[in-house]
């Protein structure tokens, strides 16, 4: 039983946020503490606190896969020790990094520790576009160097991430060709999803519905030509993007079943619905993870159907897109994905 008090929980995926700190200021960044009227102060990475939380989490649950994220996880001192501890606990480990801080030694250690995937946003084949989006000069060159080193060892370990926005929509095809030149067969293709720092740059980044469908169509065609596949990790309303129209792209749809969905835990022990959601369900240093999930599953917060979706035949599969973005924008989970409310600029 998921909520048994006598046995450890069985969890599929946990996104473990090692730090709030980052060396970039990406215009699309969804970290909730970077947005709104009162952004939080970012703490210096704390290895002992992160290790204490990881230990507690491993006592509470068997976790099939842990994705170390941030902020920028490579800012965490002794991150290799945390990866080793996660691997020793039986978890597959993925690393979600911007790639600019990975040294040759890091890549060797990642290889030795058997890290599954390394996700690196490579936002364009043009350095000036990538650097404009990350707001860090030289970031493309450093991220590409890391990506090439990883791919040279194990191309299947590298997962380039293309975050689609107005700023790089014209670069889809040559950027996919750049990925293919490194031997990559699987990528992540996400649309810009409003939240965090991205709220400040939403007008600059957001594509209209028509533009978004056209862009996904172009990406799908190019993926097929290159013999590649993409996973779309941002839940998108199915009335906007119909998965059957993009056979080379798999789509995520958000479940509110806390027993089976990816959860997010940060270095302080705060548990959240996902890495986009600002709402803290509880803290594992204050109460058991089982109790947190049991209470959150029964309090009715996730049970309401948005008015926009009430009569929709796609509801059971779609669930209204990313309603965590609605939490950030509107302060509630009861409104469908904000992307449905944008105007369609010409």
Protein backbone atom coordinates (compact mmCIF):
# COMPACT_ATOMS: atom_id res chain seq x y z
CA UNK A 1 0.00 0.00 0.00
CA UNK A 2 1.31 3.45 -0.88
CA UNK A 3 0.47 5.02 2.48
CA UNK A 4 1.50 2.13 4.74
CA UNK A 5 3.13 3.37 7.95
CA UNK A 6 5.08 0.12 8.33
CA UNK A 7 6.89 0.03 5.02
CA UNK A 8 8.75 2.52 2.91
CA UNK A 9 6.77 4.14 0.14
CA UNK A 10 7.33 3.08 -3.45
CA UNK A 11 7.84 6.15 -5.63
CA UNK A 12 8.59 6.33 -9.33
CA UNK A 13 10.26 9.70 -9.84
CA UNK A 14 11.42 12.44 -7.48
CA UNK A 15 12.85 15.74 -8.70
CA UNK A 16 15.33 16.72 -5.98
CA UNK A 17 16.12 20.44 -6.05
CA UNK A 18 19.64 20.65 -4.63
CA UNK A 19 19.85 24.43 -4.54
CA UNK A 20 17.99 27.61 -5.45
CA UNK A 21 21.20 29.21 -6.70
CA UNK A 22 22.00 29.50 -10.40
CA UNK A 23 24.73 31.09 -12.51
CA UNK A 24 22.27 31.98 -15.29
CA UNK A 25 19.12 34.09 -15.44
CA UNK A 26 17.23 32.26 -18.18
CA UNK A 27 14.28 34.23 -19.45
CA UNK A 28 12.09 31.10 -19.44
CA UNK A 29 13.01 30.02 -15.87
CA UNK A 30 9.95 28.67 -14.03
CA UNK A 31 11.44 28.51 -10.50
CA UNK A 32 8.58 29.98 -8.48
CA UNK A 33 10.83 31.80 -6.02
CA UNK A 34 12.24 33.94 -8.85
CA UNK A 35 8.88 35.37 -9.89
CA UNK A 36 6.02 37.40 -8.49
CA UNK A 37 6.18 40.58 -6.49
CA UNK A 38 8.25 39.16 -3.63
CA UNK A 39 10.92 36.79 -4.98
CA UNK A 40 12.77 34.84 -2.29
CA UNK A 41 16.37 35.40 -1.30
CA UNK A 42 18.52 32.64 -2.77
CA UNK A 43 20.60 30.76 -0.21
CA UNK A 44 24.17 29.58 -0.71
CA UNK A 45 24.20 25.85 -1.64
CA UNK A 46 24.31 23.77 1.56
CA UNK A 47 25.72 20.26 1.13
CA UNK A 48 25.00 19.11 4.69
CA UNK A 49 21.38 20.20 4.51
CA UNK A 50 20.89 18.53 1.11
CA UNK A 51 22.53 15.31 2.33
CA UNK A 52 20.36 15.28 5.46
CA UNK A 53 17.23 15.65 3.34
CA UNK A 54 18.33 12.93 0.90
CA UNK A 55 18.96 10.56 3.82
CA UNK A 56 15.53 11.28 5.25
CA UNK A 57 13.91 10.80 1.86
CA UNK A 58 15.64 7.44 1.37
CA UNK A 59 14.47 6.28 4.80
CA UNK A 60 10.92 7.19 3.84
CA UNK A 61 10.77 5.77 0.31
CA UNK A 62 12.24 3.50 -2.31
CA UNK A 63 12.64 5.73 -5.34
CA UNK A 64 13.08 4.33 -8.82
CA UNK A 65 14.57 7.53 -10.26
CA UNK A 66 15.94 10.74 -8.75
CA UNK A 67 16.52 13.79 -10.96
CA UNK A 68 18.94 16.25 -9.39
CA UNK A 69 17.88 19.76 -10.32
CA UNK A 70 18.02 23.31 -9.03
CA UNK A 71 18.71 26.17 -9.57
CA UNK A 72 21.91 24.83 -11.04
CA UNK A 73 22.83 21.53 -9.35
CA UNK A 74 26.51 21.78 -10.32
CA UNK A 75 26.84 24.70 -7.89
CA UNK A 76 26.35 22.19 -5.07
CA UNK A 77 29.67 21.27 -3.40
CA UNK A 78 30.31 17.52 -3.40
CA UNK A 79 27.40 16.80 -5.70
CA UNK A 80 29.15 13.57 -6.66
CA UNK A 81 28.70 12.31 -3.09
CA UNK A 82 24.96 12.93 -3.34
CA UNK A 83 24.79 11.12 -6.67
CA UNK A 84 26.70 8.19 -5.15
CA UNK A 85 24.32 8.06 -2.17
CA UNK A 86 21.29 8.06 -4.45
CA UNK A 87 22.79 5.32 -6.62
CA UNK A 88 23.73 3.27 -3.54
CA UNK A 89 20.12 3.53 -2.42
CA UNK A 90 19.00 1.80 -5.61
CA UNK A 91 17.83 4.83 -7.58
CA UNK A 92 18.58 5.69 -11.15
CA UNK A 93 19.95 9.23 -11.26
CA UNK A 94 19.44 11.94 -13.88
CA UNK A 95 21.11 15.34 -13.87
CA UNK A 96 19.25 18.47 -15.01
CA UNK A 97 21.96 21.07 -15.60
CA UNK A 98 22.66 24.07 -17.81
CA UNK A 99 25.98 22.44 -18.70
CA UNK A 100 28.18 25.49 -18.19
CA UNK A 101 29.91 24.24 -15.03
CA UNK A 102 30.59 20.63 -16.02
CA UNK A 103 34.31 19.91 -16.05
CA UNK A 104 36.04 16.95 -17.65
CA UNK A 105 36.43 15.35 -14.20
CA UNK A 106 32.70 15.76 -13.54
CA UNK A 107 31.86 13.97 -16.76
CA UNK A 108 34.25 11.12 -15.89
CA UNK A 109 32.68 10.76 -12.44
CA UNK A 110 29.16 10.90 -13.88
CA UNK A 111 30.19 8.08 -16.18
CA UNK A 112 31.71 6.04 -13.34
CA UNK A 113 28.63 6.50 -11.14
CA UNK A 114 26.28 5.35 -13.90
CA UNK A 115 24.16 8.49 -14.19
CA UNK A 116 21.32 7.71 -16.56
CA UNK A 117 20.60 10.96 -18.41
CA UNK A 118 22.12 14.43 -18.46
CA UNK A 119 19.65 17.05 -19.66
CA UNK A 120 21.22 20.24 -21.03
CA UNK A 121 19.21 23.08 -22.60
CA UNK A 122 20.76 23.88 -25.98
CA UNK A 123 18.40 26.59 -27.11
CA UNK A 124 19.65 27.30 -30.61
CA UNK A 125 22.38 26.44 -33.09
CA UNK A 126 23.30 30.12 -32.83
CA UNK A 127 25.35 31.14 -29.80
CA UNK A 128 23.94 34.67 -29.76
CA UNK A 129 20.36 33.40 -29.47
CA UNK A 130 21.18 30.91 -26.70
CA UNK A 131 23.18 33.52 -24.76
CA UNK A 132 20.41 36.11 -25.14
CA UNK A 133 17.91 33.68 -23.60
CA UNK A 134 20.20 32.59 -20.74
CA UNK A 135 21.47 36.15 -20.18
CA UNK A 136 24.99 34.76 -19.74
CA UNK A 137 27.59 35.54 -22.37
CA UNK A 138 29.56 32.45 -23.35
CA UNK A 139 26.95 30.03 -22.00
CA UNK A 140 26.33 28.41 -25.42
CA UNK A 141 30.02 27.67 -25.92
CA UNK A 142 30.38 26.08 -22.48
CA UNK A 143 27.13 24.13 -22.65
CA UNK A 144 27.99 22.82 -26.11
CA UNK A 145 31.46 21.76 -24.96
CA UNK A 146 29.91 19.75 -22.12
CA UNK A 147 27.29 18.25 -24.41
CA UNK A 148 29.91 17.16 -26.93
CA UNK A 149 32.06 15.55 -24.22
CA UNK A 150 29.11 13.60 -22.85
CA UNK A 151 27.94 12.53 -26.29
CA UNK A 152 31.44 11.42 -27.26
CA UNK A 153 31.36 8.92 -24.38
CA UNK A 154 27.70 7.87 -24.50
CA UNK A 155 25.41 9.69 -26.90
CA UNK A 156 22.39 8.01 -25.31
CA UNK A 157 23.19 9.72 -21.99
CA UNK A 158 22.82 13.22 -23.41
CA UNK A 159 19.32 14.69 -23.64
CA UNK A 160 19.39 18.13 -25.27
CA UNK A 161 16.46 20.32 -24.24
CA UNK A 162 14.86 22.73 -26.71
CA UNK A 163 12.58 25.23 -24.98
CA UNK A 164 10.43 26.65 -27.72
CA UNK A 165 9.66 30.37 -27.67
CA UNK A 166 9.39 33.38 -29.95
CA UNK A 167 13.12 33.88 -29.54
CA UNK A 168 14.19 30.60 -31.14
CA UNK A 169 11.19 29.39 -33.15
CA UNK A 170 12.99 30.10 -36.43
CA UNK A 171 15.91 27.90 -35.34
CA UNK A 172 14.06 24.60 -34.90
CA UNK A 173 15.39 22.68 -37.90
CA UNK A 174 19.10 23.63 -37.74
CA UNK A 175 19.13 23.13 -33.97
CA UNK A 176 17.72 19.62 -34.34
CA UNK A 177 20.38 18.96 -36.97
CA UNK A 178 22.99 20.12 -34.45
CA UNK A 179 21.68 17.60 -31.93
CA UNK A 180 21.76 14.85 -34.54
CA UNK A 181 25.38 15.67 -35.38
CA UNK A 182 26.30 14.59 -31.83
CA UNK A 183 24.68 11.19 -32.32
CA UNK A 184 21.62 12.04 -30.23
CA UNK A 185 18.40 10.17 -30.99
CA UNK A 186 16.18 11.36 -28.11
CA UNK A 187 15.57 14.95 -27.03
CA UNK A 188 13.28 17.02 -24.84
CA UNK A 189 11.05 19.52 -26.64
CA UNK A 190 9.15 21.86 -24.33
CA UNK A 191 7.12 24.98 -24.98
CA UNK A 192 7.74 28.03 -22.83
CA UNK A 193 5.57 27.56 -19.74
CA UNK A 194 4.92 30.74 -17.80
CA UNK A 195 6.17 31.01 -14.23
CA UNK A 196 9.05 32.31 -12.16
CA UNK A 197 11.36 34.68 -13.99
CA UNK A 198 9.45 33.80 -17.15
CA UNK A 199 6.55 35.96 -15.95
CA UNK A 200 8.73 39.01 -16.55
CA UNK A 201 9.54 37.97 -20.12
CA UNK A 202 6.25 36.32 -21.10
CA UNK A 203 5.42 38.77 -23.87
CA UNK A 204 8.86 38.30 -25.41
CA UNK A 205 8.63 34.50 -25.25
CA UNK A 206 5.02 33.39 -25.72
CA UNK A 207 3.91 32.02 -29.07
CA UNK A 208 0.31 32.29 -30.25
CA UNK A 209 -1.73 29.10 -30.53
CA UNK A 210 -1.35 29.08 -34.29
CA UNK A 211 2.40 29.67 -34.06
CA UNK A 212 2.78 26.93 -31.46
CA UNK A 213 0.95 24.33 -33.54
CA UNK A 214 2.95 25.29 -36.62
CA UNK A 215 6.23 25.05 -34.69
CA UNK A 216 5.42 21.61 -33.29
CA UNK A 217 4.49 20.50 -36.79
CA UNK A 218 7.84 21.65 -38.15
CA UNK A 219 9.68 19.98 -35.29
CA UNK A 220 7.77 16.74 -35.81
CA UNK A 221 8.62 16.69 -39.52
CA UNK A 222 12.31 17.33 -38.89
CA UNK A 223 12.48 14.70 -36.15
CA UNK A 224 11.05 12.15 -38.56
CA UNK A 225 13.56 13.14 -41.23
CA UNK A 226 16.47 12.75 -38.77
CA UNK A 227 15.22 9.49 -37.23
CA UNK A 228 14.86 11.13 -33.83
CA UNK A 229 12.11 11.26 -31.19
CA UNK A 230 11.21 13.97 -28.71
CA UNK A 231 9.44 14.00 -25.37
CA UNK A 232 7.34 17.00 -24.43
CA UNK A 233 7.65 17.39 -20.67
CA UNK A 234 5.29 20.35 -20.26
CA UNK A 235 1.66 19.35 -19.89
CA UNK A 236 -0.28 21.11 -22.64
CA UNK A 237 -4.07 21.14 -23.13
CA UNK A 238 -5.02 18.56 -25.75
CA UNK A 239 -7.46 21.00 -27.32
CA UNK A 240 -4.42 23.11 -28.21
CA UNK A 241 -1.87 20.45 -29.20
CA UNK A 242 -3.37 17.13 -30.30
CA UNK A 243 -0.75 14.42 -29.73
CA UNK A 244 -1.91 12.29 -32.66
CA UNK A 245 -0.82 15.04 -35.04
CA UNK A 246 2.81 14.77 -33.88
CA UNK A 247 3.80 11.07 -34.04
CA UNK A 248 7.50 11.70 -33.37
CA UNK A 249 6.74 13.56 -30.12
CA UNK A 250 5.41 11.96 -26.94
CA UNK A 251 3.38 14.17 -24.62
CA UNK A 252 3.10 14.33 -20.84
CA UNK A 253 -0.33 14.80 -19.27
CA UNK A 254 -0.56 15.70 -15.61
CA UNK A 255 -2.08 13.29 -13.12
CA UNK A 256 -3.18 14.48 -9.69
CA UNK A 257 -2.64 10.99 -8.24
CA UNK A 258 0.20 11.65 -5.80
CA UNK A 259 0.99 7.94 -5.63
CA UNK A 260 2.06 7.77 -9.26
CA UNK A 261 3.18 11.24 -10.34
CA UNK A 262 6.68 12.75 -10.17
CA UNK A 263 7.05 14.66 -6.91
CA UNK A 264 9.45 17.47 -6.09
CA UNK A 265 11.47 17.70 -2.87
CA UNK A 266 13.94 20.50 -2.25
CA UNK A 267 17.10 20.49 -0.15
CA UNK A 268 15.15 21.85 2.85
CA UNK A 269 12.75 18.89 2.75
CA UNK A 270 9.76 20.79 1.33
CA UNK A 271 7.49 18.54 -0.75
CA UNK A 272 5.63 19.99 -3.73
CA UNK A 273 3.24 18.65 -6.36
CA UNK A 274 5.83 19.33 -9.08
CA UNK A 275 8.79 21.56 -9.81
CA UNK A 276 6.49 24.22 -11.32
CA UNK A 277 4.12 24.39 -8.37
CA UNK A 278 4.85 26.93 -5.60
CA UNK A 279 2.60 25.22 -3.03
CA UNK A 280 4.39 23.30 -0.27
CA UNK A 281 2.47 20.19 0.80
CA UNK A 282 4.63 19.60 3.87
CA UNK A 283 8.18 19.07 5.06
CA UNK A 284 9.69 15.61 5.55
CA UNK A 285 11.73 16.80 8.54
CA UNK A 286 8.51 17.75 10.32
CA UNK A 287 6.24 14.83 9.41
CA UNK A 288 6.45 11.62 7.43
CA UNK A 289 6.23 11.68 3.66
CA UNK A 290 3.43 9.12 3.87
CA UNK A 291 1.39 11.45 6.07
CA UNK A 292 2.05 14.43 3.78
CA UNK A 293 0.88 12.55 0.69
CA UNK A 294 -2.10 10.97 2.43
CA UNK A 295 -3.34 14.33 3.71
CA UNK A 296 -2.73 16.07 0.39
CA UNK A 297 -4.57 13.34 -1.51
CA UNK A 298 -7.68 13.68 0.63
CA UNK A 299 -7.98 17.44 1.24
CA UNK A 300 -9.79 18.11 -2.06
CA UNK A 301 -7.31 20.66 -3.35
CA UNK A 302 -6.59 18.71 -6.54
CA UNK A 303 -10.13 17.43 -7.16
CA UNK A 304 -11.90 20.41 -8.77
CA UNK A 305 -12.43 20.55 -12.54
CA UNK A 306 -11.73 23.96 -14.12
CA UNK A 307 -14.77 25.63 -15.66
CA UNK A 308 -13.06 25.68 -19.07
CA UNK A 309 -12.79 21.89 -18.96
CA UNK A 310 -16.09 20.91 -17.32
CA UNK A 311 -17.78 19.62 -20.48
CA UNK A 312 -14.65 18.53 -22.35
CA UNK A 313 -14.43 14.92 -23.49
CA UNK A 314 -10.62 15.13 -23.25
CA UNK A 315 -10.61 15.92 -19.52
CA UNK A 316 -9.70 12.49 -18.18
CA UNK A 317 -6.59 12.35 -20.36
CA UNK A 318 -5.68 16.03 -20.46
CA UNK A 319 -6.50 17.36 -16.95
CA UNK A 320 -6.39 20.95 -18.15
CA UNK A 321 -2.71 21.19 -19.06
CA UNK A 322 -0.25 22.67 -16.58
CA UNK A 323 -2.36 23.93 -13.70
CA UNK A 324 0.76 24.50 -11.62
CA UNK A 325 1.36 27.44 -13.97
CA UNK A 326 -2.11 28.64 -12.95
CA UNK A 327 -1.01 28.41 -9.31
CA UNK A 328 1.87 30.74 -10.07
CA UNK A 329 -0.16 33.14 -12.20
CA UNK A 330 -3.59 33.09 -10.53
CA UNK A 331 -2.91 31.59 -7.10
CA UNK A 332 -5.19 28.59 -7.65
CA UNK A 333 -5.11 25.08 -9.11
CA UNK A 334 -8.75 25.40 -10.21
CA UNK A 335 -8.05 27.24 -13.48
CA UNK A 336 -6.88 25.51 -16.64
CA UNK A 337 -3.44 26.14 -18.11
CA UNK A 338 -2.84 29.90 -18.62
CA UNK A 339 -1.85 29.22 -22.22
CA UNK A 340 -5.56 28.86 -23.03
CA UNK A 341 -6.11 32.49 -22.04
CA UNK A 342 -3.45 34.11 -24.19
CA UNK A 343 -4.43 36.12 -27.22
CA UNK A 344 -3.21 35.07 -30.62
CA UNK A 345 -0.97 37.91 -31.81
CA UNK A 346 -0.34 38.13 -35.52
